[in-house]
């Protein structure tokens, strides 16, 4: 029970650090001028997601003994891999949100 709680808390913390902390730390601003590159934040986010997914896989393969704990690590590894694939798709332009922008502009214009 305690090890599952530890796995949940640690992975949740890492998820917050990767998705919120890395972009916040890498976005250096001076007034309205952005001093850092978006590519650096994207690269760090991709690497962070990959490393944590791999670490969960390694823990599930051998370092965790309990069946429920191993399953929990596999679920977290799969979650990080899904996020990694989404981030990779966004970075490389396979997915975009132009449709959302157009929909919000239409709503703003008509309401």
C-alpha atoms as a PDB file:
ATOM      1  CA  UNK A   1       0.000   0.000   0.000  1.00  0.00           C
ATOM      2  CA  UNK A   2       2.715   2.460   0.990  1.00  0.00           C
ATOM      3  CA  UNK A   3       4.849   1.654  -2.062  1.00  0.00           C
ATOM      4  CA  UNK A   4       1.879   2.264  -4.402  1.00  0.00           C
ATOM      5  CA  UNK A   5       1.294   5.630  -2.762  1.00  0.00           C
ATOM      6  CA  UNK A   6       4.992   6.430  -3.172  1.00  0.00           C
ATOM      7  CA  UNK A   7       4.864   5.463  -6.872  1.00  0.00           C
ATOM      8  CA  UNK A   8       1.775   7.624  -7.411  1.00  0.00           C
ATOM      9  CA  UNK A   9       3.216  10.639  -5.586  1.00  0.00           C
ATOM     10  CA  UNK A  10       6.615  10.448  -7.249  1.00  0.00           C
ATOM     11  CA  UNK A  11       5.171  10.088 -10.755  1.00  0.00           C
ATOM     12  CA  UNK A  12       2.657  12.878 -10.171  1.00  0.00           C
ATOM     13  CA  UNK A  13       5.464  15.146  -8.959  1.00  0.00           C
ATOM     14  CA  UNK A  14       7.590  14.307 -12.015  1.00  0.00           C
ATOM     15  CA  UNK A  15       4.645  14.934 -14.331  1.00  0.00           C
ATOM     16  CA  UNK A  16       4.103  18.381 -12.812  1.00  0.00           C
ATOM     17  CA  UNK A  17       7.813  19.195 -13.037  1.00  0.00           C
ATOM     18  CA  UNK A  18       7.997  18.119 -16.683  1.00  0.00           C
ATOM     19  CA  UNK A  19       4.794  19.723 -17.958  1.00  0.00           C
ATOM     20  CA  UNK A  20       4.776  22.899 -15.841  1.00  0.00           C
ATOM     21  CA  UNK A  21       8.227  23.344 -14.309  1.00  0.00           C
ATOM     22  CA  UNK A  22      10.404  22.888 -17.390  1.00  0.00           C
ATOM     23  CA  UNK A  23       8.501  25.405 -19.543  1.00  0.00           C
ATOM     24  CA  UNK A  24       8.405  27.871 -16.644  1.00  0.00           C
ATOM     25  CA  UNK A  25      12.128  27.588 -15.964  1.00  0.00           C
ATOM     26  CA  UNK A  26      13.194  27.741 -19.611  1.00  0.00           C
ATOM     27  CA  UNK A  27      11.060  30.757 -20.506  1.00  0.00           C
ATOM     28  CA  UNK A  28      13.294  33.631 -19.489  1.00  0.00           C
ATOM     29  CA  UNK A  29      11.598  36.979 -20.095  1.00  0.00           C
ATOM     30  CA  UNK A  30      12.711  40.562 -19.889  1.00  0.00           C
ATOM     31  CA  UNK A  31       9.509  42.585 -19.963  1.00  0.00           C
ATOM     32  CA  UNK A  32       7.639  41.412 -23.059  1.00  0.00           C
ATOM     33  CA  UNK A  33      10.803  40.093 -24.716  1.00  0.00           C
ATOM     34  CA  UNK A  34      11.319  36.321 -24.654  1.00  0.00           C
ATOM     35  CA  UNK A  35      15.022  35.562 -24.133  1.00  0.00           C
ATOM     36  CA  UNK A  36      15.046  31.765 -24.303  1.00  0.00           C
ATOM     37  CA  UNK A  37      14.181  29.440 -27.149  1.00  0.00           C
ATOM     38  CA  UNK A  38      11.078  27.294 -27.374  1.00  0.00           C
ATOM     39  CA  UNK A  39      13.203  24.525 -28.875  1.00  0.00           C
ATOM     40  CA  UNK A  40      15.121  24.151 -25.613  1.00  0.00           C
ATOM     41  CA  UNK A  41      11.909  23.748 -23.599  1.00  0.00           C
ATOM     42  CA  UNK A  42      10.546  21.255 -26.118  1.00  0.00           C
ATOM     43  CA  UNK A  43      13.767  19.231 -26.089  1.00  0.00           C
ATOM     44  CA  UNK A  44      13.882  19.130 -22.275  1.00  0.00           C
ATOM     45  CA  UNK A  45      10.205  18.149 -22.103  1.00  0.00           C
ATOM     46  CA  UNK A  46      10.685  15.342 -24.625  1.00  0.00           C
ATOM     47  CA  UNK A  47      13.752  14.024 -22.796  1.00  0.00           C
ATOM     48  CA  UNK A  48      12.035  14.296 -19.423  1.00  0.00           C
ATOM     49  CA  UNK A  49       9.019  12.307 -20.597  1.00  0.00           C
ATOM     50  CA  UNK A  50      11.253   9.675 -22.218  1.00  0.00           C
ATOM     51  CA  UNK A  51      13.485   9.271 -19.162  1.00  0.00           C
ATOM     52  CA  UNK A  52      10.582   8.935 -16.734  1.00  0.00           C
ATOM     53  CA  UNK A  53       8.770   6.468 -19.025  1.00  0.00           C
ATOM     54  CA  UNK A  54      11.970   4.423 -19.262  1.00  0.00           C
ATOM     55  CA  UNK A  55      12.543   4.572 -15.515  1.00  0.00           C
ATOM     56  CA  UNK A  56       9.015   3.314 -14.855  1.00  0.00           C
ATOM     57  CA  UNK A  57       9.642   0.468 -17.318  1.00  0.00           C
ATOM     58  CA  UNK A  58      12.916  -0.468 -15.610  1.00  0.00           C
ATOM     59  CA  UNK A  59      11.266  -0.415 -12.193  1.00  0.00           C
ATOM     60  CA  UNK A  60       8.392  -2.561 -13.493  1.00  0.00           C
ATOM     61  CA  UNK A  61      10.768  -5.077 -15.070  1.00  0.00           C
ATOM     62  CA  UNK A  62      12.878  -5.846 -12.068  1.00  0.00           C
ATOM     63  CA  UNK A  63      13.177  -3.452  -9.209  1.00  0.00           C
ATOM     64  CA  UNK A  64       9.569  -3.647  -7.980  1.00  0.00           C
ATOM     65  CA  UNK A  65       8.494  -6.969  -6.482  1.00  0.00           C
ATOM     66  CA  UNK A  66       4.741  -6.636  -5.931  1.00  0.00           C
ATOM     67  CA  UNK A  67       2.343  -7.467  -8.772  1.00  0.00           C
ATOM     68  CA  UNK A  68       0.107  -4.440  -8.164  1.00  0.00           C
ATOM     69  CA  UNK A  69       3.095  -2.130  -7.912  1.00  0.00           C
ATOM     70  CA  UNK A  70       4.541  -3.458 -11.191  1.00  0.00           C
ATOM     71  CA  UNK A  71       1.196  -2.926 -12.909  1.00  0.00           C
ATOM     72  CA  UNK A  72       1.062   0.612 -11.569  1.00  0.00           C
ATOM     73  CA  UNK A  73       4.562   1.311 -12.948  1.00  0.00           C
ATOM     74  CA  UNK A  74       3.502  -0.066 -16.348  1.00  0.00           C
ATOM     75  CA  UNK A  75       0.448   2.203 -16.336  1.00  0.00           C
ATOM     76  CA  UNK A  76       2.604   5.227 -15.544  1.00  0.00           C
ATOM     77  CA  UNK A  77       5.119   4.225 -18.232  1.00  0.00           C
ATOM     78  CA  UNK A  78       2.293   3.961 -20.762  1.00  0.00           C
ATOM     79  CA  UNK A  79       0.909   7.334 -19.678  1.00  0.00           C
ATOM     80  CA  UNK A  80       4.284   9.018 -20.093  1.00  0.00           C
ATOM     81  CA  UNK A  81       4.736   7.348 -23.491  1.00  0.00           C
ATOM     82  CA  UNK A  82       1.352   8.664 -24.651  1.00  0.00           C
ATOM     83  CA  UNK A  83       2.311  12.157 -23.496  1.00  0.00           C
ATOM     84  CA  UNK A  84       5.681  11.760 -25.217  1.00  0.00           C
ATOM     85  CA  UNK A  85       4.019  10.822 -28.505  1.00  0.00           C
ATOM     86  CA  UNK A  86       1.619  13.773 -28.256  1.00  0.00           C
ATOM     87  CA  UNK A  87       4.455  16.206 -27.474  1.00  0.00           C
ATOM     88  CA  UNK A  88       6.573  14.755 -30.300  1.00  0.00           C
ATOM     89  CA  UNK A  89       3.655  15.135 -32.713  1.00  0.00           C
ATOM     90  CA  UNK A  90       3.147  18.747 -31.665  1.00  0.00           C
ATOM     91  CA  UNK A  91       6.860  19.615 -31.909  1.00  0.00           C
ATOM     92  CA  UNK A  92       7.215  18.129 -35.387  1.00  0.00           C
ATOM     93  CA  UNK A  93       3.978  19.597 -36.709  1.00  0.00           C
ATOM     94  CA  UNK A  94       2.058  16.351 -37.200  1.00  0.00           C
ATOM     95  CA  UNK A  95      -0.746  17.737 -35.030  1.00  0.00           C
ATOM     96  CA  UNK A  96      -1.804  21.349 -34.757  1.00  0.00           C
ATOM     97  CA  UNK A  97      -4.612  23.279 -33.180  1.00  0.00           C
ATOM     98  CA  UNK A  98      -5.465  25.633 -36.028  1.00  0.00           C
ATOM     99  CA  UNK A  99      -9.012  24.241 -35.996  1.00  0.00           C
ATOM    100  CA  UNK A 100      -9.382  25.261 -32.347  1.00  0.00           C
ATOM    101  CA  UNK A 101      -8.085  28.757 -33.066  1.00  0.00           C
ATOM    102  CA  UNK A 102     -10.534  29.126 -35.974  1.00  0.00           C
ATOM    103  CA  UNK A 103     -13.418  27.871 -33.829  1.00  0.00           C
ATOM    104  CA  UNK A 104     -12.613  30.279 -30.995  1.00  0.00           C
ATOM    105  CA  UNK A 105     -12.294  33.203 -33.418  1.00  0.00           C
ATOM    106  CA  UNK A 106     -15.673  32.286 -34.941  1.00  0.00           C
ATOM    107  CA  UNK A 107     -17.273  32.146 -31.480  1.00  0.00           C
ATOM    108  CA  UNK A 108     -15.704  35.486 -30.558  1.00  0.00           C
ATOM    109  CA  UNK A 109     -16.930  37.111 -33.766  1.00  0.00           C
ATOM    110  CA  UNK A 110     -20.497  35.800 -33.483  1.00  0.00           C
ATOM    111  CA  UNK A 111     -21.118  36.192 -29.758  1.00  0.00           C
END
